[in-house]
């Protein structure tokens, strides 16, 4: 006797920064099943996170089937990258998908339930799979460009913050050098040349190595001074 198992006809995932799809449950996964992945924010002080659940085999959310949208609200305002948002996909034996997003620091959570196969014909599945092969090369190039820009944006944000906080730690010449490399990165980020963006990002990281070391030393000294002060008060 042959045992027939239900599987997911198409991949299921979440839209992330820049419109990229992060797949949590790949196509042809046996159900019931579950998957989880950690995400964070890309903007300082972000209090609401828009969750977009998609289905399909393409690299970008705009080319996939939109299943549901919901909001995770009440997130404490923190610097970008600090919140820890756990997204859980759970598909039961009936094929119903439950998506839960939880900000682990605060415990704030939101969830939605959807049936991924609702309104999906067999021909739609075949077409979406075929399109993923047809546009595979262009899709990968588009994804790589977006990822390069995302990395550049992150570095730009960190450098701008570091210059504000550590300006007094470096001389005018080093500030000018970092500023020039930062301008070059901004110009590269505006192009369609992902290799140029990668090179400019690498150059930016190299140009700020000394500043990063000085800021780390200053932070350690401040922490030690605070600890000594606390110990003195306890005596």
C-alpha atoms as a PDB file:
ATOM      1  CA  UNK A   1       0.000   0.000   0.000  1.00  0.00           C
ATOM      2  CA  UNK A   2       1.175   3.528  -0.831  1.00  0.00           C
ATOM      3  CA  UNK A   3       0.887   6.241   1.785  1.00  0.00           C
ATOM      4  CA  UNK A   4      -0.147   9.573   0.267  1.00  0.00           C
ATOM      5  CA  UNK A   5       1.080  12.647   2.120  1.00  0.00           C
ATOM      6  CA  UNK A   6      -0.247  16.187   1.802  1.00  0.00           C
ATOM      7  CA  UNK A   7       2.386  18.749   0.855  1.00  0.00           C
ATOM      8  CA  UNK A   8       2.498  22.508   0.391  1.00  0.00           C
ATOM      9  CA  UNK A   9       1.985  23.213  -3.342  1.00  0.00           C
ATOM     10  CA  UNK A  10       3.975  26.471  -3.190  1.00  0.00           C
ATOM     11  CA  UNK A  11       6.501  28.088  -0.854  1.00  0.00           C
ATOM     12  CA  UNK A  12       5.240  30.303   1.969  1.00  0.00           C
ATOM     13  CA  UNK A  13       7.096  33.285   3.350  1.00  0.00           C
ATOM     14  CA  UNK A  14       7.223  36.866   4.582  1.00  0.00           C
ATOM     15  CA  UNK A  15       8.021  40.046   2.676  1.00  0.00           C
ATOM     16  CA  UNK A  16      11.139  41.670   4.114  1.00  0.00           C
ATOM     17  CA  UNK A  17      13.022  44.934   3.571  1.00  0.00           C
ATOM     18  CA  UNK A  18      13.081  46.025  -0.051  1.00  0.00           C
ATOM     19  CA  UNK A  19      10.338  43.614  -1.113  1.00  0.00           C
ATOM     20  CA  UNK A  20      12.452  40.458  -0.814  1.00  0.00           C
ATOM     21  CA  UNK A  21      10.710  37.192   0.116  1.00  0.00           C
ATOM     22  CA  UNK A  22      12.068  35.250   3.075  1.00  0.00           C
ATOM     23  CA  UNK A  23      10.764  31.690   2.670  1.00  0.00           C
ATOM     24  CA  UNK A  24       9.842  29.901   5.895  1.00  0.00           C
ATOM     25  CA  UNK A  25       8.123  26.826   4.447  1.00  0.00           C
ATOM     26  CA  UNK A  26       9.459  25.616   1.071  1.00  0.00           C
ATOM     27  CA  UNK A  27       7.334  24.082  -1.667  1.00  0.00           C
ATOM     28  CA  UNK A  28       6.534  20.359  -1.317  1.00  0.00           C
ATOM     29  CA  UNK A  29       6.978  20.374   2.470  1.00  0.00           C
ATOM     30  CA  UNK A  30       4.915  17.619   4.108  1.00  0.00           C
ATOM     31  CA  UNK A  31       2.130  18.908   6.360  1.00  0.00           C
ATOM     32  CA  UNK A  32       1.437  19.355   9.210  1.00  0.00           C
ATOM     33  CA  UNK A  33       4.578  21.417   9.705  1.00  0.00           C
ATOM     34  CA  UNK A  34       5.938  24.533  11.361  1.00  0.00           C
ATOM     35  CA  UNK A  35       8.854  26.926  10.947  1.00  0.00           C
ATOM     36  CA  UNK A  36      10.190  29.989  12.728  1.00  0.00           C
ATOM     37  CA  UNK A  37      12.619  32.772  11.908  1.00  0.00           C
ATOM     38  CA  UNK A  38      13.920  35.891  13.633  1.00  0.00           C
ATOM     39  CA  UNK A  39      13.519  39.354  12.116  1.00  0.00           C
ATOM     40  CA  UNK A  40      14.120  42.912  13.276  1.00  0.00           C
ATOM     41  CA  UNK A  41      13.316  46.503  12.316  1.00  0.00           C
ATOM     42  CA  UNK A  42      15.068  48.701   9.766  1.00  0.00           C
ATOM     43  CA  UNK A  43      13.996  52.113  11.092  1.00  0.00           C
ATOM     44  CA  UNK A  44      14.866  53.755  14.419  1.00  0.00           C
ATOM     45  CA  UNK A  45      11.914  54.044  16.794  1.00  0.00           C
ATOM     46  CA  UNK A  46       9.617  51.811  14.723  1.00  0.00           C
ATOM     47  CA  UNK A  47       6.492  50.981  16.771  1.00  0.00           C
ATOM     48  CA  UNK A  48       4.425  49.148  14.132  1.00  0.00           C
ATOM     49  CA  UNK A  49       5.670  46.338  11.881  1.00  0.00           C
ATOM     50  CA  UNK A  50       3.678  45.459   8.755  1.00  0.00           C
ATOM     51  CA  UNK A  51       3.610  41.692   8.191  1.00  0.00           C
ATOM     52  CA  UNK A  52       2.905  40.516   4.631  1.00  0.00           C
ATOM     53  CA  UNK A  53       2.425  36.767   4.076  1.00  0.00           C
ATOM     54  CA  UNK A  54       3.074  35.610   0.510  1.00  0.00           C
ATOM     55  CA  UNK A  55       2.983  32.397  -1.508  1.00  0.00           C
ATOM     56  CA  UNK A  56       5.072  31.516  -4.543  1.00  0.00           C
ATOM     57  CA  UNK A  57       8.487  30.713  -5.943  1.00  0.00           C
ATOM     58  CA  UNK A  58       9.698  34.149  -7.049  1.00  0.00           C
ATOM     59  CA  UNK A  59      12.366  36.170  -5.231  1.00  0.00           C
ATOM     60  CA  UNK A  60      10.286  39.346  -4.803  1.00  0.00           C
ATOM     61  CA  UNK A  61       6.948  39.707  -3.021  1.00  0.00           C
ATOM     62  CA  UNK A  62       5.408  41.707  -5.881  1.00  0.00           C
ATOM     63  CA  UNK A  63       5.727  38.631  -8.104  1.00  0.00           C
ATOM     64  CA  UNK A  64       4.175  36.239  -5.567  1.00  0.00           C
ATOM     65  CA  UNK A  65       0.601  35.675  -4.427  1.00  0.00           C
ATOM     66  CA  UNK A  66      -0.419  37.851  -1.487  1.00  0.00           C
ATOM     67  CA  UNK A  67      -2.144  35.782   1.195  1.00  0.00           C
ATOM     68  CA  UNK A  68      -2.600  38.160   4.110  1.00  0.00           C
ATOM     69  CA  UNK A  69      -1.415  41.327   5.822  1.00  0.00           C
ATOM     70  CA  UNK A  70      -1.483  42.167   9.501  1.00  0.00           C
ATOM     71  CA  UNK A  71       0.275  44.527  11.901  1.00  0.00           C
ATOM     72  CA  UNK A  72       2.408  43.896  14.947  1.00  0.00           C
ATOM     73  CA  UNK A  73       1.877  47.046  17.011  1.00  0.00           C
ATOM     74  CA  UNK A  74       3.012  48.265  20.398  1.00  0.00           C
ATOM     75  CA  UNK A  75       6.702  47.594  19.757  1.00  0.00           C
ATOM     76  CA  UNK A  76       8.870  49.671  22.097  1.00  0.00           C
ATOM     77  CA  UNK A  77      10.772  52.360  20.150  1.00  0.00           C
ATOM     78  CA  UNK A  78      14.366  51.178  19.815  1.00  0.00           C
ATOM     79  CA  UNK A  79      17.250  51.712  17.410  1.00  0.00           C
ATOM     80  CA  UNK A  80      16.950  49.799  14.136  1.00  0.00           C
ATOM     81  CA  UNK A  81      18.105  46.219  14.504  1.00  0.00           C
ATOM     82  CA  UNK A  82      17.414  46.011  18.245  1.00  0.00           C
ATOM     83  CA  UNK A  83      13.874  44.541  18.373  1.00  0.00           C
ATOM     84  CA  UNK A  84      13.758  40.737  18.134  1.00  0.00           C
ATOM     85  CA  UNK A  85      10.670  39.669  16.193  1.00  0.00           C
ATOM     86  CA  UNK A  86      10.001  35.943  15.989  1.00  0.00           C
ATOM     87  CA  UNK A  87       7.718  34.879  13.139  1.00  0.00           C
ATOM     88  CA  UNK A  88       6.171  31.411  13.360  1.00  0.00           C
ATOM     89  CA  UNK A  89       4.386  29.611  10.514  1.00  0.00           C
ATOM     90  CA  UNK A  90       2.204  26.678  11.574  1.00  0.00           C
ATOM     91  CA  UNK A  91       0.259  24.557   9.065  1.00  0.00           C
ATOM     92  CA  UNK A  92      -2.147  22.000  10.524  1.00  0.00           C
ATOM     93  CA  UNK A  93      -3.300  18.725   8.980  1.00  0.00           C
ATOM     94  CA  UNK A  94      -6.172  20.548   7.247  1.00  0.00           C
ATOM     95  CA  UNK A  95      -3.788  22.878   5.436  1.00  0.00           C
ATOM     96  CA  UNK A  96      -4.721  25.955   7.481  1.00  0.00           C
ATOM     97  CA  UNK A  97      -1.806  28.318   8.043  1.00  0.00           C
ATOM     98  CA  UNK A  98      -1.445  30.321  11.231  1.00  0.00           C
ATOM     99  CA  UNK A  99       1.187  33.068  11.259  1.00  0.00           C
ATOM    100  CA  UNK A 100       2.254  34.592  14.573  1.00  0.00           C
ATOM    101  CA  UNK A 101       4.671  37.489  15.069  1.00  0.00           C
ATOM    102  CA  UNK A 102       6.048  38.172  18.557  1.00  0.00           C
ATOM    103  CA  UNK A 103       8.414  40.924  19.715  1.00  0.00           C
ATOM    104  CA  UNK A 104      10.419  38.968  22.270  1.00  0.00           C
ATOM    105  CA  UNK A 105      11.570  41.901  24.414  1.00  0.00           C
ATOM    106  CA  UNK A 106       8.036  43.123  25.136  1.00  0.00           C
ATOM    107  CA  UNK A 107       5.981  39.993  24.468  1.00  0.00           C
ATOM    108  CA  UNK A 108       3.719  41.933  22.095  1.00  0.00           C
ATOM    109  CA  UNK A 109       2.182  39.545  19.561  1.00  0.00           C
ATOM    110  CA  UNK A 110      -0.190  39.437  16.598  1.00  0.00           C
ATOM    111  CA  UNK A 111      -1.486  36.543  14.515  1.00  0.00           C
ATOM    112  CA  UNK A 112      -3.550  35.716  11.466  1.00  0.00           C
ATOM    113  CA  UNK A 113      -5.050  32.544  10.011  1.00  0.00           C
ATOM    114  CA  UNK A 114      -5.359  31.775   6.305  1.00  0.00           C
ATOM    115  CA  UNK A 115      -5.945  28.816   3.989  1.00  0.00           C
ATOM    116  CA  UNK A 116      -3.150  29.038   1.361  1.00  0.00           C
ATOM    117  CA  UNK A 117      -4.920  26.783  -1.153  1.00  0.00           C
ATOM    118  CA  UNK A 118      -8.159  28.820  -1.165  1.00  0.00           C
ATOM    119  CA  UNK A 119      -8.814  30.120  -4.673  1.00  0.00           C
ATOM    120  CA  UNK A 120      -5.700  28.391  -6.013  1.00  0.00           C
ATOM    121  CA  UNK A 121      -6.242  26.206  -9.079  1.00  0.00           C
ATOM    122  CA  UNK A 122      -3.835  23.472 -10.181  1.00  0.00           C
ATOM    123  CA  UNK A 123      -3.057  25.506 -13.281  1.00  0.00           C
ATOM    124  CA  UNK A 124      -2.053  28.446 -11.082  1.00  0.00           C
ATOM    125  CA  UNK A 125       0.500  26.305  -9.261  1.00  0.00           C
ATOM    126  CA  UNK A 126       2.029  25.046 -12.509  1.00  0.00           C
ATOM    127  CA  UNK A 127       2.162  28.565 -13.940  1.00  0.00           C
ATOM    128  CA  UNK A 128       3.810  30.047 -10.843  1.00  0.00           C
ATOM    129  CA  UNK A 129       6.434  27.296 -10.756  1.00  0.00           C
ATOM    130  CA  UNK A 130       7.176  27.718 -14.472  1.00  0.00           C
ATOM    131  CA  UNK A 131       7.520  31.490 -14.068  1.00  0.00           C
ATOM    132  CA  UNK A 132      10.075  30.977 -11.303  1.00  0.00           C
ATOM    133  CA  UNK A 133      12.297  29.148 -13.812  1.00  0.00           C
ATOM    134  CA  UNK A 134      11.629  31.590 -16.649  1.00  0.00           C
ATOM    135  CA  UNK A 135      12.581  34.637 -14.585  1.00  0.00           C
ATOM    136  CA  UNK A 136      15.125  32.956 -12.295  1.00  0.00           C
ATOM    137  CA  UNK A 137      18.203  34.850 -13.493  1.00  0.00           C
ATOM    138  CA  UNK A 138      16.519  38.267 -13.521  1.00  0.00           C
ATOM    139  CA  UNK A 139      14.916  37.595 -10.132  1.00  0.00           C
ATOM    140  CA  UNK A 140      18.234  36.670  -8.518  1.00  0.00           C
ATOM    141  CA  UNK A 141      19.897  39.789  -9.942  1.00  0.00           C
ATOM    142  CA  UNK A 142      17.060  41.944  -8.603  1.00  0.00           C
ATOM    143  CA  UNK A 143      17.336  40.324  -5.172  1.00  0.00           C
ATOM    144  CA  UNK A 144      21.115  40.769  -5.030  1.00  0.00           C
ATOM    145  CA  UNK A 145      20.790  44.459  -5.926  1.00  0.00           C
ATOM    146  CA  UNK A 146      18.195  44.998  -3.195  1.00  0.00           C
ATOM    147  CA  UNK A 147      20.344  43.149  -0.648  1.00  0.00           C
ATOM    148  CA  UNK A 148      23.367  45.282  -1.581  1.00  0.00           C
ATOM    149  CA  UNK A 149      21.296  48.440  -1.153  1.00  0.00           C
ATOM    150  CA  UNK A 150      19.907  47.204   2.165  1.00  0.00           C
ATOM    151  CA  UNK A 151      23.426  46.578   3.459  1.00  0.00           C
ATOM    152  CA  UNK A 152      24.541  50.009   2.244  1.00  0.00           C
ATOM    153  CA  UNK A 153      21.579  51.656   3.988  1.00  0.00           C
ATOM    154  CA  UNK A 154      22.441  49.884   7.241  1.00  0.00           C
ATOM    155  CA  UNK A 155      26.080  50.956   7.049  1.00  0.00           C
ATOM    156  CA  UNK A 156      25.124  54.554   6.189  1.00  0.00           C
ATOM    157  CA  UNK A 157      22.801  54.716   9.208  1.00  0.00           C
ATOM    158  CA  UNK A 158      25.454  53.285  11.543  1.00  0.00           C
ATOM    159  CA  UNK A 159      28.176  55.618  10.258  1.00  0.00           C
ATOM    160  CA  UNK A 160      25.962  58.697  10.578  1.00  0.00           C
ATOM    161  CA  UNK A 161      25.166  57.712  14.170  1.00  0.00           C
ATOM    162  CA  UNK A 162      28.833  56.989  14.928  1.00  0.00           C
ATOM    163  CA  UNK A 163      29.902  60.375  13.582  1.00  0.00           C
ATOM    164  CA  UNK A 164      27.372  62.122  15.831  1.00  0.00           C
ATOM    165  CA  UNK A 165      28.388  60.169  18.923  1.00  0.00           C
ATOM    166  CA  UNK A 166      32.141  59.914  18.346  1.00  0.00           C
ATOM    167  CA  UNK A 167      32.935  63.187  16.618  1.00  0.00           C
ATOM    168  CA  UNK A 168      35.151  64.332  19.500  1.00  0.00           C
ATOM    169  CA  UNK A 169      37.242  61.154  19.343  1.00  0.00           C
ATOM    170  CA  UNK A 170      38.781  61.823  15.914  1.00  0.00           C
ATOM    171  CA  UNK A 171      40.510  64.746  14.241  1.00  0.00           C
ATOM    172  CA  UNK A 172      39.175  66.986  11.488  1.00  0.00           C
ATOM    173  CA  UNK A 173      41.172  65.182   8.784  1.00  0.00           C
ATOM    174  CA  UNK A 174      39.730  61.783   9.689  1.00  0.00           C
ATOM    175  CA  UNK A 175      36.237  63.273   9.830  1.00  0.00           C
ATOM    176  CA  UNK A 176      36.693  64.650   6.310  1.00  0.00           C
ATOM    177  CA  UNK A 177      37.988  61.310   5.037  1.00  0.00           C
ATOM    178  CA  UNK A 178      35.036  59.413   6.501  1.00  0.00           C
ATOM    179  CA  UNK A 179      32.642  62.046   5.135  1.00  0.00           C
ATOM    180  CA  UNK A 180      34.073  61.702   1.625  1.00  0.00           C
ATOM    181  CA  UNK A 181      33.778  57.901   1.678  1.00  0.00           C
ATOM    182  CA  UNK A 182      30.236  58.243   3.048  1.00  0.00           C
ATOM    183  CA  UNK A 183      29.272  60.533   0.155  1.00  0.00           C
ATOM    184  CA  UNK A 184      30.756  58.012  -2.293  1.00  0.00           C
ATOM    185  CA  UNK A 185      28.668  55.247  -0.725  1.00  0.00           C
ATOM    186  CA  UNK A 186      25.497  57.327  -1.019  1.00  0.00           C
ATOM    187  CA  UNK A 187      26.234  57.930  -4.727  1.00  0.00           C
ATOM    188  CA  UNK A 188      26.941  54.243  -5.339  1.00  0.00           C
ATOM    189  CA  UNK A 189      23.762  53.217  -3.522  1.00  0.00           C
ATOM    190  CA  UNK A 190      21.721  55.301  -5.989  1.00  0.00           C
ATOM    191  CA  UNK A 191      23.036  53.293  -8.967  1.00  0.00           C
ATOM    192  CA  UNK A 192      21.969  49.913 -10.373  1.00  0.00           C
ATOM    193  CA  UNK A 193      25.529  48.550 -10.062  1.00  0.00           C
ATOM    194  CA  UNK A 194      25.517  46.132  -7.129  1.00  0.00           C
ATOM    195  CA  UNK A 195      29.265  45.460  -7.382  1.00  0.00           C
ATOM    196  CA  UNK A 196      29.940  49.191  -7.095  1.00  0.00           C
ATOM    197  CA  UNK A 197      27.632  49.317  -4.069  1.00  0.00           C
ATOM    198  CA  UNK A 198      29.438  46.353  -2.454  1.00  0.00           C
ATOM    199  CA  UNK A 199      32.849  47.938  -3.060  1.00  0.00           C
ATOM    200  CA  UNK A 200      31.709  51.289  -1.635  1.00  0.00           C
ATOM    201  CA  UNK A 201      30.236  49.529   1.409  1.00  0.00           C
ATOM    202  CA  UNK A 202      33.501  47.666   2.014  1.00  0.00           C
ATOM    203  CA  UNK A 203      35.448  50.922   1.668  1.00  0.00           C
ATOM    204  CA  UNK A 204      33.128  52.557   4.205  1.00  0.00           C
ATOM    205  CA  UNK A 205      33.692  49.766   6.710  1.00  0.00           C
ATOM    206  CA  UNK A 206      37.468  50.095   6.310  1.00  0.00           C
ATOM    207  CA  UNK A 207      37.366  53.885   6.670  1.00  0.00           C
ATOM    208  CA  UNK A 208      35.536  53.676  10.003  1.00  0.00           C
ATOM    209  CA  UNK A 209      37.575  50.880  11.628  1.00  0.00           C
ATOM    210  CA  UNK A 210      39.644  53.344  13.685  1.00  0.00           C
ATOM    211  CA  UNK A 211      36.573  55.285  14.814  1.00  0.00           C
ATOM    212  CA  UNK A 212      34.856  52.036  15.821  1.00  0.00           C
ATOM    213  CA  UNK A 213      37.885  51.032  17.912  1.00  0.00           C
ATOM    214  CA  UNK A 214      37.973  54.411  19.662  1.00  0.00           C
ATOM    215  CA  UNK A 215      34.240  54.273  20.411  1.00  0.00           C
ATOM    216  CA  UNK A 216      34.574  50.745  21.788  1.00  0.00           C
ATOM    217  CA  UNK A 217      37.452  51.822  24.055  1.00  0.00           C
ATOM    218  CA  UNK A 218      35.466  54.845  25.255  1.00  0.00           C
ATOM    219  CA  UNK A 219      32.435  52.663  25.991  1.00  0.00           C
ATOM    220  CA  UNK A 220      34.551  50.181  27.970  1.00  0.00           C
ATOM    221  CA  UNK A 221      36.184  52.956  29.994  1.00  0.00           C
ATOM    222  CA  UNK A 222      32.770  54.461  30.759  1.00  0.00           C
ATOM    223  CA  UNK A 223      31.444  51.067  31.838  1.00  0.00           C
ATOM    224  CA  UNK A 224      34.442  50.471  34.118  1.00  0.00           C
ATOM    225  CA  UNK A 225      34.133  53.939  35.637  1.00  0.00           C
ATOM    226  CA  UNK A 226      30.444  53.355  36.317  1.00  0.00           C
ATOM    227  CA  UNK A 227      31.202  49.996  37.916  1.00  0.00           C
ATOM    228  CA  UNK A 228      33.858  51.523  40.186  1.00  0.00           C
ATOM    229  CA  UNK A 229      31.429  54.273  41.189  1.00  0.00           C
ATOM    230  CA  UNK A 230      28.779  51.680  42.069  1.00  0.00           C
ATOM    231  CA  UNK A 231      31.305  49.688  44.120  1.00  0.00           C
ATOM    232  CA  UNK A 232      32.395  52.845  45.973  1.00  0.00           C
ATOM    233  CA  UNK A 233      28.795  53.630  46.883  1.00  0.00           C
ATOM    234  CA  UNK A 234      28.304  50.111  48.232  1.00  0.00           C
ATOM    235  CA  UNK A 235      31.241  50.475  50.663  1.00  0.00           C
END
